[in-house]
Amino acid sequence: MNTITLTGQLICQDEGELAIVAKQLPRHIEATRAEPGCISFEVTQTEDPLVWDVSECFQDVLSFEFHQARVKASEWGRATAGIKRSYLVSGL
């Protein structure tokens, strides 16, 4: 059983996108950490306030796929769909 990791950045283009992330992020973190198979989930603002580092680890492919589907269907997913992401996934 391989763990799946995702690392990268969420990159806001302006203060409007930043406000969306700031509003939606606490619930997104809480929901993700409560998912079955979530080993770790961290989203932290960088020195550039428009850029957030993202690091997540799931116990297996099924838990990672569940997370991806839940995110797409969530308020977070809808609210942040247009915000740029630069991610690298390993373990798939």
PDB file of N, CA and C in Angstrom:
ATOM      1  N   MET A   1       0.852  -1.189   0.000  1.00  0.00           N
ATOM      2  CA  MET A   1       0.000   0.000   0.000  1.00  0.00           C
ATOM      3  C   MET A   1       0.893   1.246   0.000  1.00  0.00           C
ATOM      4  N   ASN A   2       0.818   2.051  -1.041  1.00  0.00           N
ATOM      5  CA  ASN A   2       1.615   3.270  -1.167  1.00  0.00           C
ATOM      6  C   ASN A   2       0.873   4.464  -0.607  1.00  0.00           C
ATOM      7  N   THR A   3       1.587   5.291   0.154  1.00  0.00           N
ATOM      8  CA  THR A   3       0.995   6.563   0.531  1.00  0.00           C
ATOM      9  C   THR A   3       1.041   7.486  -0.676  1.00  0.00           C
ATOM     10  N   ILE A   4       0.080   8.387  -0.734  1.00  0.00           N
ATOM     11  CA  ILE A   4      -0.008   9.370  -1.814  1.00  0.00           C
ATOM     12  C   ILE A   4       0.262  10.739  -1.209  1.00  0.00           C
ATOM     13  N   THR A   5       1.181  11.478  -1.809  1.00  0.00           N
ATOM     14  CA  THR A   5       1.478  12.820  -1.334  1.00  0.00           C
ATOM     15  C   THR A   5       1.226  13.839  -2.431  1.00  0.00           C
ATOM     16  N   LEU A   6       0.795  14.992  -2.013  1.00  0.00           N
ATOM     17  CA  LEU A   6       0.604  16.125  -2.904  1.00  0.00           C
ATOM     18  C   LEU A   6       1.318  17.297  -2.262  1.00  0.00           C
ATOM     19  N   THR A   7       2.160  17.963  -3.035  1.00  0.00           N
ATOM     20  CA  THR A   7       2.830  19.173  -2.563  1.00  0.00           C
ATOM     21  C   THR A   7       2.744  20.226  -3.655  1.00  0.00           C
ATOM     22  N   GLY A   8       2.786  21.464  -3.244  1.00  0.00           N
ATOM     23  CA  GLY A   8       2.765  22.539  -4.228  1.00  0.00           C
ATOM     24  C   GLY A   8       2.209  23.815  -3.646  1.00  0.00           C
ATOM     25  N   GLN A   9       1.612  24.600  -4.526  1.00  0.00           N
ATOM     26  CA  GLN A   9       1.134  25.919  -4.111  1.00  0.00           C
ATOM     27  C   GLN A   9      -0.234  26.246  -4.698  1.00  0.00           C
ATOM     28  N   LEU A  10      -0.987  26.978  -3.911  1.00  0.00           N
ATOM     29  CA  LEU A  10      -2.234  27.614  -4.318  1.00  0.00           C
ATOM     30  C   LEU A  10      -1.859  29.083  -4.500  1.00  0.00           C
ATOM     31  N   ILE A  11      -2.111  29.631  -5.682  1.00  0.00           N
ATOM     32  CA  ILE A  11      -1.586  30.953  -6.027  1.00  0.00           C
ATOM     33  C   ILE A  11      -2.723  31.911  -6.373  1.00  0.00           C
ATOM     34  N   CYS A  12      -3.000  32.826  -5.467  1.00  0.00           N
ATOM     35  CA  CYS A  12      -4.046  33.822  -5.683  1.00  0.00           C
ATOM     36  C   CYS A  12      -3.515  34.919  -6.605  1.00  0.00           C
ATOM     37  N   GLN A  13      -4.393  35.430  -7.450  1.00  0.00           N
ATOM     38  CA  GLN A  13      -4.002  36.486  -8.386  1.00  0.00           C
ATOM     39  C   GLN A  13      -4.210  37.880  -7.815  1.00  0.00           C
ATOM     40  N   ASP A  14      -5.080  37.983  -6.810  1.00  0.00           N
ATOM     41  CA  ASP A  14      -5.398  39.313  -6.280  1.00  0.00           C
ATOM     42  C   ASP A  14      -6.027  39.189  -4.895  1.00  0.00           C
ATOM     43  N   GLU A  15      -6.351  40.332  -4.316  1.00  0.00           N
ATOM     44  CA  GLU A  15      -6.936  40.370  -2.972  1.00  0.00           C
ATOM     45  C   GLU A  15      -8.306  39.683  -2.913  1.00  0.00           C
ATOM     46  N   GLY A  16      -9.044  39.705  -4.002  1.00  0.00           N
ATOM     47  CA  GLY A  16     -10.340  39.044  -4.045  1.00  0.00           C
ATOM     48  C   GLY A  16     -10.204  37.539  -3.877  1.00  0.00           C
ATOM     49  N   GLU A  17      -9.262  36.938  -4.601  1.00  0.00           N
ATOM     50  CA  GLU A  17      -9.029  35.500  -4.445  1.00  0.00           C
ATOM     51  C   GLU A  17      -8.482  35.192  -3.058  1.00  0.00           C
ATOM     52  N   LEU A  18      -7.619  36.055  -2.554  1.00  0.00           N
ATOM     53  CA  LEU A  18      -7.076  35.880  -1.208  1.00  0.00           C
ATOM     54  C   LEU A  18      -8.193  35.858  -0.169  1.00  0.00           C
ATOM     55  N   ALA A  19      -9.166  36.737  -0.311  1.00  0.00           N
ATOM     56  CA  ALA A  19     -10.288  36.792   0.630  1.00  0.00           C
ATOM     57  C   ALA A  19     -11.114  35.501   0.579  1.00  0.00           C
ATOM     58  N   ILE A  20     -11.279  34.945  -0.609  1.00  0.00           N
ATOM     59  CA  ILE A  20     -12.016  33.683  -0.754  1.00  0.00           C
ATOM     60  C   ILE A  20     -11.286  32.566  -0.009  1.00  0.00           C
ATOM     61  N   VAL A  21      -9.979  32.471  -0.230  1.00  0.00           N
ATOM     62  CA  VAL A  21      -9.201  31.429   0.439  1.00  0.00           C
ATOM     63  C   VAL A  21      -9.264  31.606   1.950  1.00  0.00           C
ATOM     64  N   ALA A  22      -9.053  32.822   2.421  1.00  0.00           N
ATOM     65  CA  ALA A  22      -9.062  33.074   3.870  1.00  0.00           C
ATOM     66  C   ALA A  22     -10.403  32.702   4.493  1.00  0.00           C
ATOM     67  N   LYS A  23     -11.480  32.946   3.797  1.00  0.00           N
ATOM     68  CA  LYS A  23     -12.804  32.631   4.327  1.00  0.00           C
ATOM     69  C   LYS A  23     -13.074  31.125   4.326  1.00  0.00           C
ATOM     70  N   GLN A  24     -12.708  30.454   3.250  1.00  0.00           N
ATOM     71  CA  GLN A  24     -13.058  29.051   3.059  1.00  0.00           C
ATOM     72  C   GLN A  24     -12.062  28.065   3.680  1.00  0.00           C
ATOM     73  N   LEU A  25     -10.836  28.470   3.881  1.00  0.00           N
ATOM     74  CA  LEU A  25      -9.779  27.540   4.261  1.00  0.00           C
ATOM     75  C   LEU A  25      -9.983  26.842   5.603  1.00  0.00           C
ATOM     76  N   PRO A  26     -10.370  27.512   6.665  1.00  0.00           N
ATOM     77  CA  PRO A  26     -10.501  26.792   7.943  1.00  0.00           C
ATOM     78  C   PRO A  26     -11.439  25.573   7.868  1.00  0.00           C
ATOM     79  N   ARG A  27     -12.581  25.711   7.234  1.00  0.00           N
ATOM     80  CA  ARG A  27     -13.506  24.579   7.108  1.00  0.00           C
ATOM     81  C   ARG A  27     -12.926  23.497   6.201  1.00  0.00           C
ATOM     82  N   HIS A  28     -12.233  23.897   5.149  1.00  0.00           N
ATOM     83  CA  HIS A  28     -11.616  22.926   4.247  1.00  0.00           C
ATOM     84  C   HIS A  28     -10.560  22.091   4.983  1.00  0.00           C
ATOM     85  N   ILE A  29      -9.735  22.734   5.771  1.00  0.00           N
ATOM     86  CA  ILE A  29      -8.720  22.014   6.549  1.00  0.00           C
ATOM     87  C   ILE A  29      -9.390  21.051   7.521  1.00  0.00           C
ATOM     88  N   GLU A  30     -10.384  21.532   8.237  1.00  0.00           N
ATOM     89  CA  GLU A  30     -11.090  20.693   9.213  1.00  0.00           C
ATOM     90  C   GLU A  30     -11.707  19.464   8.543  1.00  0.00           C
ATOM     91  N   ALA A  31     -12.385  19.662   7.423  1.00  0.00           N
ATOM     92  CA  ALA A  31     -13.046  18.558   6.723  1.00  0.00           C
ATOM     93  C   ALA A  31     -12.023  17.565   6.175  1.00  0.00           C
ATOM     94  N   THR A  32     -10.924  18.069   5.638  1.00  0.00           N
ATOM     95  CA  THR A  32      -9.917  17.182   5.062  1.00  0.00           C
ATOM     96  C   THR A  32      -9.243  16.344   6.140  1.00  0.00           C
ATOM     97  N   ARG A  33      -8.860  16.965   7.234  1.00  0.00           N
ATOM     98  CA  ARG A  33      -8.197  16.218   8.307  1.00  0.00           C
ATOM     99  C   ARG A  33      -9.100  15.146   8.916  1.00  0.00           C
ATOM    100  N   ALA A  34     -10.409  15.314   8.798  1.00  0.00           N
ATOM    101  CA  ALA A  34     -11.361  14.337   9.328  1.00  0.00           C
ATOM    102  C   ALA A  34     -11.635  13.187   8.355  1.00  0.00           C
ATOM    103  N   GLU A  35     -11.143  13.278   7.130  1.00  0.00           N
ATOM    104  CA  GLU A  35     -11.388  12.234   6.134  1.00  0.00           C
ATOM    105  C   GLU A  35     -10.677  10.940   6.505  1.00  0.00           C
ATOM    106  N   PRO A  36     -11.312   9.801   6.216  1.00  0.00           N
ATOM    107  CA  PRO A  36     -10.618   8.532   6.418  1.00  0.00           C
ATOM    108  C   PRO A  36      -9.382   8.464   5.520  1.00  0.00           C
ATOM    109  N   GLY A  37      -8.276   8.058   6.083  1.00  0.00           N
ATOM    110  CA  GLY A  37      -7.056   7.907   5.296  1.00  0.00           C
ATOM    111  C   GLY A  37      -6.183   9.142   5.203  1.00  0.00           C
ATOM    112  N   CYS A  38      -6.629  10.270   5.755  1.00  0.00           N
ATOM    113  CA  CYS A  38      -5.793  11.477   5.734  1.00  0.00           C
ATOM    114  C   CYS A  38      -4.726  11.340   6.823  1.00  0.00           C
ATOM    115  N   ILE A  39      -3.475  11.316   6.408  1.00  0.00           N
ATOM    116  CA  ILE A  39      -2.365  11.230   7.350  1.00  0.00           C
ATOM    117  C   ILE A  39      -1.951  12.629   7.795  1.00  0.00           C
ATOM    118  N   SER A  40      -1.873  13.548   6.843  1.00  0.00           N
ATOM    119  CA  SER A  40      -1.538  14.939   7.171  1.00  0.00           C
ATOM    120  C   SER A  40      -2.095  15.866   6.098  1.00  0.00           C
ATOM    121  N   PHE A  41      -2.373  17.099   6.517  1.00  0.00           N
ATOM    122  CA  PHE A  41      -2.882  18.103   5.585  1.00  0.00           C
ATOM    123  C   PHE A  41      -2.513  19.473   6.136  1.00  0.00           C
ATOM    124  N   GLU A  42      -1.667  20.187   5.413  1.00  0.00           N
ATOM    125  CA  GLU A  42      -1.199  21.508   5.836  1.00  0.00           C
ATOM    126  C   GLU A  42      -1.319  22.497   4.685  1.00  0.00           C
ATOM    127  N   VAL A  43      -1.856  23.660   4.969  1.00  0.00           N
ATOM    128  CA  VAL A  43      -1.906  24.766   4.016  1.00  0.00           C
ATOM    129  C   VAL A  43      -1.433  25.997   4.776  1.00  0.00           C
ATOM    130  N   THR A  44      -0.301  26.551   4.353  1.00  0.00           N
ATOM    131  CA  THR A  44       0.277  27.688   5.067  1.00  0.00           C
ATOM    132  C   THR A  44       0.623  28.807   4.100  1.00  0.00           C
ATOM    133  N   GLN A  45       0.375  30.013   4.545  1.00  0.00           N
ATOM    134  CA  GLN A  45       0.670  31.192   3.741  1.00  0.00           C
ATOM    135  C   GLN A  45       2.180  31.405   3.707  1.00  0.00           C
ATOM    136  N   THR A  46       2.702  31.766   2.547  1.00  0.00           N
ATOM    137  CA  THR A  46       4.134  32.028   2.401  1.00  0.00           C
ATOM    138  C   THR A  46       4.420  33.502   2.708  1.00  0.00           C
ATOM    139  N   GLU A  47       5.666  33.894   2.514  1.00  0.00           N
ATOM    140  CA  GLU A  47       6.016  35.313   2.684  1.00  0.00           C
ATOM    141  C   GLU A  47       5.227  36.201   1.741  1.00  0.00           C
ATOM    142  N   ASP A  48       4.893  35.665   0.585  1.00  0.00           N
ATOM    143  CA  ASP A  48       4.008  36.363  -0.350  1.00  0.00           C
ATOM    144  C   ASP A  48       2.581  36.014   0.076  1.00  0.00           C
ATOM    145  N   PRO A  49       1.812  36.970   0.581  1.00  0.00           N
ATOM    146  CA  PRO A  49       0.487  36.651   1.121  1.00  0.00           C
ATOM    147  C   PRO A  49      -0.494  36.080   0.100  1.00  0.00           C
ATOM    148  N   LEU A  50      -0.174  36.163  -1.185  1.00  0.00           N
ATOM    149  CA  LEU A  50      -1.062  35.613  -2.210  1.00  0.00           C
ATOM    150  C   LEU A  50      -0.766  34.138  -2.509  1.00  0.00           C
ATOM    151  N   VAL A  51       0.297  33.614  -1.914  1.00  0.00           N
ATOM    152  CA  VAL A  51       0.728  32.243  -2.214  1.00  0.00           C
ATOM    153  C   VAL A  51       0.661  31.391  -0.948  1.00  0.00           C
ATOM    154  N   TRP A  52       0.092  30.202  -1.112  1.00  0.00           N
ATOM    155  CA  TRP A  52      -0.079  29.248  -0.006  1.00  0.00           C
ATOM    156  C   TRP A  52       0.639  27.951  -0.356  1.00  0.00           C
ATOM    157  N   ASP A  53       1.474  27.451   0.557  1.00  0.00           N
ATOM    158  CA  ASP A  53       2.085  26.136   0.387  1.00  0.00           C
ATOM    159  C   ASP A  53       1.082  25.075   0.822  1.00  0.00           C
ATOM    160  N   VAL A  54       0.985  24.019   0.039  1.00  0.00           N
ATOM    161  CA  VAL A  54       0.057  22.926   0.313  1.00  0.00           C
ATOM    162  C   VAL A  54       0.859  21.632   0.414  1.00  0.00           C
ATOM    163  N   SER A  55       0.587  20.861   1.468  1.00  0.00           N
ATOM    164  CA  SER A  55       1.223  19.560   1.654  1.00  0.00           C
ATOM    165  C   SER A  55       0.180  18.615   2.226  1.00  0.00           C
ATOM    166  N   GLU A  56      -0.051  17.512   1.530  1.00  0.00           N
ATOM    167  CA  GLU A  56      -1.026  16.543   2.009  1.00  0.00           C
ATOM    168  C   GLU A  56      -0.503  15.135   1.802  1.00  0.00           C
ATOM    169  N   CYS A  57      -0.932  14.239   2.675  1.00  0.00           N
ATOM    170  CA  CYS A  57      -0.529  12.844   2.581  1.00  0.00           C
ATOM    171  C   CYS A  57      -1.732  11.975   2.942  1.00  0.00           C
ATOM    172  N   PHE A  58      -1.990  10.987   2.094  1.00  0.00           N
ATOM    173  CA  PHE A  58      -3.101  10.058   2.302  1.00  0.00           C
ATOM    174  C   PHE A  58      -2.559   8.643   2.314  1.00  0.00           C
ATOM    175  N   GLN A  59      -3.222   7.769   3.053  1.00  0.00           N
ATOM    176  CA  GLN A  59      -2.690   6.418   3.270  1.00  0.00           C
ATOM    177  C   GLN A  59      -2.677   5.554   2.020  1.00  0.00           C
ATOM    178  N   ASP A  60      -3.550   5.855   1.054  1.00  0.00           N
ATOM    179  CA  ASP A  60      -3.592   5.034  -0.159  1.00  0.00           C
ATOM    180  C   ASP A  60      -4.349   5.769  -1.266  1.00  0.00           C
ATOM    181  N   VAL A  61      -4.396   5.144  -2.426  1.00  0.00           N
ATOM    182  CA  VAL A  61      -5.048   5.747  -3.592  1.00  0.00           C
ATOM    183  C   VAL A  61      -6.527   5.998  -3.328  1.00  0.00           C
ATOM    184  N   LEU A  62      -7.210   5.047  -2.701  1.00  0.00           N
ATOM    185  CA  LEU A  62      -8.650   5.216  -2.459  1.00  0.00           C
ATOM    186  C   LEU A  62      -8.943   6.426  -1.586  1.00  0.00           C
ATOM    187  N   SER A  63      -8.162   6.621  -0.528  1.00  0.00           N
ATOM    188  CA  SER A  63      -8.411   7.784   0.338  1.00  0.00           C
ATOM    189  C   SER A  63      -8.083   9.087  -0.386  1.00  0.00           C
ATOM    190  N   PHE A  64      -7.044   9.074  -1.229  1.00  0.00           N
ATOM    191  CA  PHE A  64      -6.712  10.267  -2.009  1.00  0.00           C
ATOM    192  C   PHE A  64      -7.817  10.578  -3.021  1.00  0.00           C
ATOM    193  N   GLU A  65      -8.308   9.561  -3.701  1.00  0.00           N
ATOM    194  CA  GLU A  65      -9.388   9.766  -4.675  1.00  0.00           C
ATOM    195  C   GLU A  65     -10.668  10.238  -3.993  1.00  0.00           C
ATOM    196  N   PHE A  66     -10.965   9.697  -2.806  1.00  0.00           N
ATOM    197  CA  PHE A  66     -12.118  10.167  -2.046  1.00  0.00           C
ATOM    198  C   PHE A  66     -11.965  11.654  -1.735  1.00  0.00           C
ATOM    199  N   HIS A  67     -10.780  12.043  -1.304  1.00  0.00           N
ATOM    200  CA  HIS A  67     -10.515  13.454  -0.991  1.00  0.00           C
ATOM    201  C   HIS A  67     -10.735  14.331  -2.221  1.00  0.00           C
ATOM    202  N   GLN A  68     -10.191  13.930  -3.353  1.00  0.00           N
ATOM    203  CA  GLN A  68     -10.343  14.722  -4.564  1.00  0.00           C
ATOM    204  C   GLN A  68     -11.817  14.883  -4.947  1.00  0.00           C
ATOM    205  N   ALA A  69     -12.587  13.825  -4.843  1.00  0.00           N
ATOM    206  CA  ALA A  69     -14.016  13.897  -5.173  1.00  0.00           C
ATOM    207  C   ALA A  69     -14.766  14.779  -4.181  1.00  0.00           C
ATOM    208  N   ARG A  70     -14.443  14.649  -2.892  1.00  0.00           N
ATOM    209  CA  ARG A  70     -15.119  15.473  -1.885  1.00  0.00           C
ATOM    210  C   ARG A  70     -14.809  16.946  -2.114  1.00  0.00           C
ATOM    211  N   VAL A  71     -13.553  17.235  -2.413  1.00  0.00           N
ATOM    212  CA  VAL A  71     -13.157  18.631  -2.640  1.00  0.00           C
ATOM    213  C   VAL A  71     -13.930  19.224  -3.813  1.00  0.00           C
ATOM    214  N   LYS A  72     -14.016  18.491  -4.908  1.00  0.00           N
ATOM    215  CA  LYS A  72     -14.737  18.991  -6.091  1.00  0.00           C
ATOM    216  C   LYS A  72     -16.186  19.345  -5.768  1.00  0.00           C
ATOM    217  N   ALA A  73     -16.815  18.540  -4.923  1.00  0.00           N
ATOM    218  CA  ALA A  73     -18.231  18.726  -4.596  1.00  0.00           C
ATOM    219  C   ALA A  73     -18.456  19.697  -3.441  1.00  0.00           C
ATOM    220  N   SER A  74     -17.389  20.173  -2.814  1.00  0.00           N
ATOM    221  CA  SER A  74     -17.520  20.999  -1.608  1.00  0.00           C
ATOM    222  C   SER A  74     -17.643  22.488  -1.932  1.00  0.00           C
ATOM    223  N   GLU A  75     -18.033  23.239  -0.926  1.00  0.00           N
ATOM    224  CA  GLU A  75     -18.081  24.696  -1.048  1.00  0.00           C
ATOM    225  C   GLU A  75     -16.684  25.243  -1.375  1.00  0.00           C
ATOM    226  N   TRP A  76     -15.661  24.699  -0.718  1.00  0.00           N
ATOM    227  CA  TRP A  76     -14.275  25.091  -1.013  1.00  0.00           C
ATOM    228  C   TRP A  76     -13.962  24.884  -2.488  1.00  0.00           C
ATOM    229  N   GLY A  77     -14.297  23.707  -2.996  1.00  0.00           N
ATOM    230  CA  GLY A  77     -14.015  23.381  -4.390  1.00  0.00           C
ATOM    231  C   GLY A  77     -14.677  24.338  -5.357  1.00  0.00           C
ATOM    232  N   ARG A  78     -15.934  24.652  -5.092  1.00  0.00           N
ATOM    233  CA  ARG A  78     -16.658  25.583  -5.976  1.00  0.00           C
ATOM    234  C   ARG A  78     -16.106  27.001  -5.860  1.00  0.00           C
ATOM    235  N   ALA A  79     -15.841  27.438  -4.623  1.00  0.00           N
ATOM    236  CA  ALA A  79     -15.404  28.824  -4.400  1.00  0.00           C
ATOM    237  C   ALA A  79     -13.999  29.084  -4.931  1.00  0.00           C
ATOM    238  N   THR A  80     -13.152  28.056  -4.930  1.00  0.00           N
ATOM    239  CA  THR A  80     -11.753  28.268  -5.323  1.00  0.00           C
ATOM    240  C   THR A  80     -11.413  27.650  -6.677  1.00  0.00           C
ATOM    241  N   ALA A  81     -12.396  27.209  -7.410  1.00  0.00           N
ATOM    242  CA  ALA A  81     -12.155  26.509  -8.682  1.00  0.00           C
ATOM    243  C   ALA A  81     -11.299  27.321  -9.647  1.00  0.00           C
ATOM    244  N   GLY A  82     -11.427  28.626  -9.654  1.00  0.00           N
ATOM    245  CA  GLY A  82     -10.685  29.456 -10.596  1.00  0.00           C
ATOM    246  C   GLY A  82      -9.318  29.893 -10.114  1.00  0.00           C
ATOM    247  N   ILE A  83      -8.936  29.500  -8.908  1.00  0.00           N
ATOM    248  CA  ILE A  83      -7.643  29.915  -8.365  1.00  0.00           C
ATOM    249  C   ILE A  83      -6.552  28.960  -8.833  1.00  0.00           C
ATOM    250  N   LYS A  84      -5.441  29.511  -9.274  1.00  0.00           N
ATOM    251  CA  LYS A  84      -4.345  28.727  -9.834  1.00  0.00           C
ATOM    252  C   LYS A  84      -3.730  27.791  -8.787  1.00  0.00           C
ATOM    253  N   ARG A  85      -3.443  26.578  -9.234  1.00  0.00           N
ATOM    254  CA  ARG A  85      -2.765  25.595  -8.400  1.00  0.00           C
ATOM    255  C   ARG A  85      -1.580  25.050  -9.172  1.00  0.00           C
ATOM    256  N   SER A  86      -0.500  24.813  -8.459  1.00  0.00           N
ATOM    257  CA  SER A  86       0.680  24.170  -9.019  1.00  0.00           C
ATOM    258  C   SER A  86       1.063  23.033  -8.074  1.00  0.00           C
ATOM    259  N   TYR A  87       0.676  21.799  -8.404  1.00  0.00           N
ATOM    260  CA  TYR A  87       0.820  20.658  -7.514  1.00  0.00           C
ATOM    261  C   TYR A  87       1.625  19.550  -8.162  1.00  0.00           C
ATOM    262  N   LEU A  88       2.309  18.788  -7.333  1.00  0.00           N
ATOM    263  CA  LEU A  88       2.978  17.563  -7.739  1.00  0.00           C
ATOM    264  C   LEU A  88       2.449  16.438  -6.869  1.00  0.00           C
ATOM    265  N   VAL A  89       1.935  15.385  -7.494  1.00  0.00           N
ATOM    266  CA  VAL A  89       1.400  14.232  -6.778  1.00  0.00           C
ATOM    267  C   VAL A  89       2.358  13.078  -6.963  1.00  0.00           C
ATOM    268  N   SER A  90       2.690  12.404  -5.867  1.00  0.00           N
ATOM    269  CA  SER A  90       3.557  11.226  -5.984  1.00  0.00           C
ATOM    270  C   SER A  90       2.923  10.038  -5.272  1.00  0.00           C
ATOM    271  N   GLY A  91       3.256   8.855  -5.745  1.00  0.00           N
ATOM    272  CA  GLY A  91       2.744   7.636  -5.145  1.00  0.00           C
ATOM    273  C   GLY A  91       1.609   6.996  -5.914  1.00  0.00           C
ATOM    274  N   LEU A  92       1.127   7.653  -6.956  1.00  0.00           N
ATOM    275  CA  LEU A  92       0.026   7.075  -7.734  1.00  0.00           C
ATOM    276  C   LEU A  92       0.543   5.996  -8.675  1.00  0.00           C
TER     277      LEU A  92
END
